[in-house]
């Protein structure tokens, strides 16, 4: 086959951003502020981060525990990763719940290690 110049090469995919590890998510748990004599507990897991991205964030949402005859919804975005001395990282989060029974609660905390 003279004149046939086709040939192939193996191509290796290189991800230049891989530094922060594999895909992961974090548990979180905190209490809201006390408003009108009561507070709520909130806990859950953040969204999964695709991994390999420094300074990544996670999303979270949920419903507080039932207290004083009502619940509140909440949602937000964590801050960027905060490295831990022994490896791994956590994220700070804070926000305000939805209005229920004519009031809101505020919250803040840090996620647990990635799982």
N, C-alpha and C. Protein backbone atom coordinates (compact mmCIF):
# COMPACT_ATOMS: atom_id res chain seq x y z
N UNK A 1 0.83 -1.18 0.00
CA UNK A 1 0.00 0.00 0.00
C UNK A 1 0.87 1.24 0.00
N UNK A 2 1.40 1.50 -1.05
CA UNK A 2 2.24 2.66 -1.17
C UNK A 2 1.39 3.92 -1.13
N UNK A 3 1.84 4.96 -0.44
CA UNK A 3 1.10 6.21 -0.34
C UNK A 3 0.19 6.28 0.89
N UNK A 4 0.02 5.18 1.58
CA UNK A 4 -0.80 5.19 2.79
C UNK A 4 0.08 5.58 3.97
N UNK A 5 -0.10 6.79 4.48
CA UNK A 5 0.75 7.30 5.54
C UNK A 5 0.03 7.36 6.89
N UNK A 6 -1.09 6.66 7.04
CA UNK A 6 -1.81 6.72 8.32
C UNK A 6 -1.08 5.89 9.36
N UNK A 7 -1.07 6.39 10.55
CA UNK A 7 -0.49 5.68 11.67
C UNK A 7 -1.16 6.18 12.95
N UNK A 8 -0.92 5.55 14.07
CA UNK A 8 -1.56 5.96 15.31
C UNK A 8 -0.54 6.03 16.44
N UNK A 9 -0.91 6.72 17.49
CA UNK A 9 -0.08 6.84 18.68
C UNK A 9 -0.97 6.61 19.89
N UNK A 10 -0.39 6.04 20.93
CA UNK A 10 -1.11 5.96 22.19
C UNK A 10 -1.10 7.34 22.83
N UNK A 11 -2.25 7.75 23.34
CA UNK A 11 -2.36 9.06 23.99
C UNK A 11 -2.68 8.83 25.46
N UNK A 12 -1.92 9.44 26.32
CA UNK A 12 -2.14 9.33 27.75
C UNK A 12 -2.80 10.61 28.24
N UNK A 13 -3.93 10.47 28.93
CA UNK A 13 -4.64 11.62 29.48
C UNK A 13 -3.94 12.07 30.76
N UNK A 14 -3.65 13.34 30.83
CA UNK A 14 -3.02 13.89 32.03
C UNK A 14 -3.92 14.99 32.58
N UNK A 15 -4.30 14.86 33.85
CA UNK A 15 -5.10 15.88 34.51
C UNK A 15 -4.15 16.75 35.32
N UNK A 16 -3.93 17.96 34.89
CA UNK A 16 -2.97 18.85 35.52
C UNK A 16 -3.48 19.43 36.83
N UNK A 17 -4.77 19.28 37.13
CA UNK A 17 -5.32 19.88 38.34
C UNK A 17 -5.39 18.92 39.52
N UNK A 18 -5.06 17.67 39.35
CA UNK A 18 -5.22 16.71 40.44
C UNK A 18 -4.24 17.03 41.56
N UNK A 19 -4.76 17.52 42.66
CA UNK A 19 -3.96 17.84 43.83
C UNK A 19 -4.74 17.53 45.11
N UNK A 20 -6.05 17.68 45.07
CA UNK A 20 -6.86 17.61 46.28
C UNK A 20 -7.46 16.24 46.55
N UNK A 21 -7.16 15.26 45.76
CA UNK A 21 -7.64 13.92 46.04
C UNK A 21 -8.88 13.54 45.26
N UNK A 22 -9.43 12.37 45.57
CA UNK A 22 -10.56 11.82 44.83
C UNK A 22 -11.87 12.52 45.17
N UNK A 23 -12.93 12.23 44.42
CA UNK A 23 -14.25 12.79 44.74
C UNK A 23 -14.60 12.47 46.19
N UNK A 24 -15.25 13.39 46.86
CA UNK A 24 -15.58 13.19 48.26
C UNK A 24 -16.72 14.10 48.68
N UNK A 25 -17.25 13.84 49.86
CA UNK A 25 -18.25 14.70 50.48
C UNK A 25 -17.96 14.74 51.98
N UNK A 26 -18.63 15.63 52.70
CA UNK A 26 -18.37 15.81 54.12
C UNK A 26 -19.65 15.75 54.93
N UNK A 27 -19.59 15.17 56.11
CA UNK A 27 -20.72 15.28 57.02
C UNK A 27 -20.69 16.66 57.69
N UNK A 28 -21.85 17.13 58.11
CA UNK A 28 -21.90 18.36 58.89
C UNK A 28 -23.01 18.23 59.93
N UNK A 29 -22.86 18.93 61.03
CA UNK A 29 -23.86 18.95 62.09
C UNK A 29 -23.63 20.19 62.94
N UNK A 30 -24.70 20.89 63.27
CA UNK A 30 -24.61 22.07 64.11
C UNK A 30 -25.99 22.43 64.63
N UNK A 31 -26.01 23.28 65.63
CA UNK A 31 -27.26 23.83 66.14
C UNK A 31 -27.45 25.23 65.60
N UNK A 32 -28.70 25.64 65.48
CA UNK A 32 -28.99 27.02 65.11
C UNK A 32 -28.89 27.90 66.35
N UNK A 33 -28.97 29.19 66.14
CA UNK A 33 -29.05 30.12 67.26
C UNK A 33 -30.38 29.92 67.98
N UNK A 34 -30.44 30.38 69.21
CA UNK A 34 -31.70 30.34 69.97
C UNK A 34 -32.50 31.59 69.62
N UNK A 35 -33.69 31.39 69.14
CA UNK A 35 -34.60 32.48 68.79
C UNK A 35 -35.96 32.15 69.38
N UNK A 36 -36.58 33.10 70.02
CA UNK A 36 -37.88 32.89 70.65
C UNK A 36 -37.88 31.69 71.58
N UNK A 37 -36.78 31.50 72.27
CA UNK A 37 -36.70 30.47 73.29
C UNK A 37 -36.46 29.05 72.82
N UNK A 38 -36.10 28.85 71.57
CA UNK A 38 -35.83 27.49 71.08
C UNK A 38 -34.75 27.53 70.01
N UNK A 39 -34.22 26.38 69.71
CA UNK A 39 -33.26 26.23 68.61
C UNK A 39 -33.52 24.91 67.92
N UNK A 40 -32.86 24.71 66.78
CA UNK A 40 -33.01 23.51 65.98
C UNK A 40 -31.64 22.88 65.72
N UNK A 41 -31.65 21.61 65.45
CA UNK A 41 -30.43 20.89 65.07
C UNK A 41 -30.49 20.65 63.57
N UNK A 42 -29.35 20.68 62.92
CA UNK A 42 -29.28 20.41 61.48
C UNK A 42 -28.07 19.54 61.20
N UNK A 43 -28.26 18.54 60.35
CA UNK A 43 -27.15 17.66 60.00
C UNK A 43 -27.39 17.04 58.64
N UNK A 44 -26.32 16.57 58.03
CA UNK A 44 -26.43 15.93 56.72
C UNK A 44 -25.06 15.74 56.11
N UNK A 45 -25.06 15.60 54.80
CA UNK A 45 -23.83 15.46 54.03
C UNK A 45 -23.83 16.50 52.92
N UNK A 46 -22.66 17.04 52.64
CA UNK A 46 -22.52 17.99 51.54
C UNK A 46 -22.65 17.26 50.21
N UNK A 47 -22.72 18.02 49.14
CA UNK A 47 -22.68 17.45 47.80
C UNK A 47 -21.30 16.84 47.56
N UNK A 48 -21.22 15.97 46.60
CA UNK A 48 -19.94 15.36 46.23
C UNK A 48 -19.15 16.36 45.40
N UNK A 49 -17.89 16.52 45.75
CA UNK A 49 -17.00 17.34 44.95
C UNK A 49 -16.32 16.42 43.94
N UNK A 50 -16.15 16.84 42.70
CA UNK A 50 -15.56 15.95 41.70
C UNK A 50 -14.11 15.56 41.96
N UNK A 51 -13.46 16.21 42.90
CA UNK A 51 -12.07 15.86 43.23
C UNK A 51 -11.08 16.55 42.32
N UNK A 52 -9.85 16.61 42.79
CA UNK A 52 -8.77 17.16 41.98
C UNK A 52 -8.77 18.65 41.84
N UNK A 53 -9.50 19.36 42.67
CA UNK A 53 -9.55 20.81 42.53
C UNK A 53 -9.20 21.46 43.87
N UNK A 54 -8.15 22.24 43.91
CA UNK A 54 -7.81 22.98 45.11
C UNK A 54 -8.84 24.09 45.31
N UNK A 55 -9.01 24.48 46.55
CA UNK A 55 -9.96 25.56 46.89
C UNK A 55 -11.37 25.28 46.42
N UNK A 56 -11.76 24.04 46.44
CA UNK A 56 -13.11 23.66 46.04
C UNK A 56 -14.11 23.98 47.15
N UNK A 57 -15.39 23.98 46.80
CA UNK A 57 -16.47 24.17 47.76
C UNK A 57 -17.47 23.04 47.59
N UNK A 58 -18.40 22.93 48.52
CA UNK A 58 -19.48 21.95 48.45
C UNK A 58 -20.80 22.68 48.69
N UNK A 59 -21.89 22.07 48.25
CA UNK A 59 -23.23 22.60 48.48
C UNK A 59 -23.90 21.73 49.53
N UNK A 60 -24.82 22.31 50.28
CA UNK A 60 -25.57 21.55 51.28
C UNK A 60 -26.98 22.12 51.37
N UNK A 61 -27.90 21.30 51.81
CA UNK A 61 -29.28 21.74 52.01
C UNK A 61 -29.99 20.72 52.88
N UNK A 62 -31.08 21.14 53.49
CA UNK A 62 -31.84 20.23 54.32
C UNK A 62 -32.94 20.94 55.07
N UNK A 63 -33.46 20.23 56.07
CA UNK A 63 -34.51 20.74 56.94
C UNK A 63 -34.06 20.53 58.38
N UNK A 64 -34.27 21.52 59.21
CA UNK A 64 -33.89 21.39 60.61
C UNK A 64 -34.78 20.39 61.32
N UNK A 65 -34.41 20.07 62.55
CA UNK A 65 -35.27 19.24 63.39
C UNK A 65 -36.52 20.05 63.77
N UNK A 66 -37.55 19.34 64.18
CA UNK A 66 -38.82 19.93 64.60
C UNK A 66 -38.66 20.47 66.03
N UNK A 67 -39.01 21.73 66.22
CA UNK A 67 -38.97 22.34 67.56
C UNK A 67 -39.99 23.47 67.61
N UNK A 68 -40.64 23.63 68.73
CA UNK A 68 -41.61 24.70 68.92
C UNK A 68 -42.69 24.70 67.84
N UNK A 69 -43.04 23.52 67.35
CA UNK A 69 -44.14 23.39 66.39
C UNK A 69 -43.79 23.64 64.94
N UNK A 70 -42.51 23.69 64.57
CA UNK A 70 -42.17 23.97 63.17
C UNK A 70 -40.75 23.50 62.84
N UNK A 71 -40.43 23.55 61.56
CA UNK A 71 -39.08 23.28 61.06
C UNK A 71 -38.69 24.44 60.15
N UNK A 72 -37.41 24.51 59.80
CA UNK A 72 -36.91 25.50 58.85
C UNK A 72 -36.11 24.79 57.76
N UNK A 73 -36.15 25.30 56.56
CA UNK A 73 -35.30 24.81 55.48
C UNK A 73 -34.01 25.64 55.49
N UNK A 74 -32.95 25.06 54.95
CA UNK A 74 -31.69 25.79 54.83
C UNK A 74 -30.94 25.25 53.61
N UNK A 75 -30.05 26.05 53.08
CA UNK A 75 -29.17 25.63 51.99
C UNK A 75 -28.04 26.64 51.88
N UNK A 76 -26.92 26.18 51.33
CA UNK A 76 -25.80 27.09 51.19
C UNK A 76 -24.62 26.44 50.49
N UNK A 77 -23.53 27.18 50.48
CA UNK A 77 -22.28 26.75 49.88
C UNK A 77 -21.20 26.89 50.94
N UNK A 78 -20.38 25.87 51.11
CA UNK A 78 -19.29 25.96 52.08
C UNK A 78 -18.22 26.92 51.58
N UNK A 79 -17.32 27.27 52.47
CA UNK A 79 -16.14 28.00 52.08
C UNK A 79 -15.14 27.04 51.46
N UNK A 80 -14.00 27.54 50.99
CA UNK A 80 -12.97 26.67 50.41
C UNK A 80 -12.36 25.73 51.44
N UNK A 81 -11.63 24.75 50.98
CA UNK A 81 -11.01 23.75 51.84
C UNK A 81 -10.04 24.39 52.82
N UNK A 82 -10.08 23.92 54.08
CA UNK A 82 -9.15 24.34 55.12
C UNK A 82 -8.30 23.13 55.46
N UNK A 83 -7.02 23.12 55.06
CA UNK A 83 -6.16 21.95 55.32
C UNK A 83 -6.01 21.66 56.81
N UNK A 84 -5.94 20.39 57.17
CA UNK A 84 -5.72 19.97 58.55
C UNK A 84 -4.27 19.54 58.72
N UNK A 85 -3.69 19.73 59.89
CA UNK A 85 -2.28 19.39 60.12
C UNK A 85 -1.92 17.94 59.80
N UNK A 86 -2.81 17.01 60.10
CA UNK A 86 -2.52 15.60 59.85
C UNK A 86 -2.96 15.11 58.48
N UNK A 87 -3.36 16.00 57.60
CA UNK A 87 -3.87 15.63 56.29
C UNK A 87 -5.38 15.78 56.24
N UNK A 88 -5.91 15.80 55.06
CA UNK A 88 -7.34 16.02 54.87
C UNK A 88 -7.69 17.50 55.01
N UNK A 89 -8.97 17.77 55.06
CA UNK A 89 -9.42 19.15 55.14
C UNK A 89 -10.86 19.20 55.62
N UNK A 90 -11.29 20.38 56.01
CA UNK A 90 -12.67 20.65 56.39
C UNK A 90 -13.10 21.92 55.66
N UNK A 91 -14.37 22.28 55.82
CA UNK A 91 -14.91 23.50 55.23
C UNK A 91 -15.74 24.23 56.27
N UNK A 92 -15.65 25.54 56.31
CA UNK A 92 -16.53 26.35 57.16
C UNK A 92 -17.84 26.57 56.41
N UNK A 93 -18.92 26.69 57.16
CA UNK A 93 -20.20 27.03 56.55
C UNK A 93 -21.00 27.88 57.52
N UNK A 94 -21.86 28.71 57.02
CA UNK A 94 -22.72 29.54 57.85
C UNK A 94 -23.88 30.01 57.01
N UNK A 95 -24.94 30.45 57.67
CA UNK A 95 -26.08 30.94 56.92
C UNK A 95 -27.27 31.24 57.81
N UNK A 96 -28.39 31.34 57.17
CA UNK A 96 -29.66 31.70 57.79
C UNK A 96 -30.71 30.73 57.29
N UNK A 97 -31.58 30.28 58.17
CA UNK A 97 -32.65 29.37 57.76
C UNK A 97 -33.75 30.14 57.04
N UNK A 98 -34.70 29.40 56.50
CA UNK A 98 -35.89 30.02 55.93
C UNK A 98 -36.77 30.55 57.06
N UNK A 99 -37.72 31.38 56.72
CA UNK A 99 -38.67 31.91 57.70
C UNK A 99 -39.72 30.85 57.99
N UNK A 100 -39.98 30.63 59.26
CA UNK A 100 -41.07 29.74 59.70
C UNK A 100 -41.59 30.31 61.01
N UNK A 101 -42.88 30.32 61.19
CA UNK A 101 -43.50 30.85 62.40
C UNK A 101 -43.03 32.29 62.66
N UNK A 102 -42.77 33.03 61.59
CA UNK A 102 -42.43 34.44 61.69
C UNK A 102 -41.01 34.78 62.09
N UNK A 103 -40.08 33.82 62.00
CA UNK A 103 -38.70 34.12 62.40
C UNK A 103 -37.71 33.23 61.65
N UNK A 104 -36.43 33.58 61.74
CA UNK A 104 -35.34 32.79 61.17
C UNK A 104 -34.36 32.44 62.29
N UNK A 105 -33.47 31.52 62.00
CA UNK A 105 -32.35 31.19 62.88
C UNK A 105 -31.08 31.32 62.06
N UNK A 106 -29.96 31.55 62.73
CA UNK A 106 -28.66 31.61 62.08
C UNK A 106 -27.85 30.40 62.53
N UNK A 107 -26.88 30.02 61.73
CA UNK A 107 -26.06 28.85 62.06
C UNK A 107 -24.66 29.03 61.50
N UNK A 108 -23.73 28.27 62.05
CA UNK A 108 -22.37 28.21 61.54
C UNK A 108 -21.71 26.95 62.04
N UNK A 109 -20.68 26.51 61.36
CA UNK A 109 -19.96 25.33 61.78
C UNK A 109 -18.86 24.97 60.80
N UNK A 110 -18.29 23.81 61.02
CA UNK A 110 -17.29 23.25 60.12
C UNK A 110 -17.69 21.83 59.78
N UNK A 111 -17.43 21.44 58.55
CA UNK A 111 -17.74 20.08 58.14
C UNK A 111 -16.76 19.12 58.81
N UNK A 112 -17.11 17.83 58.75
CA UNK A 112 -16.18 16.80 59.19
C UNK A 112 -15.20 16.49 58.05
N UNK A 113 -14.34 15.51 58.26
CA UNK A 113 -13.41 15.12 57.22
C UNK A 113 -14.16 14.54 56.02
N UNK A 114 -13.56 14.60 54.85
CA UNK A 114 -14.17 14.04 53.64
C UNK A 114 -14.40 12.56 53.77
N UNK A 115 -15.53 12.10 53.26
CA UNK A 115 -15.85 10.67 53.30
C UNK A 115 -16.20 10.17 51.92
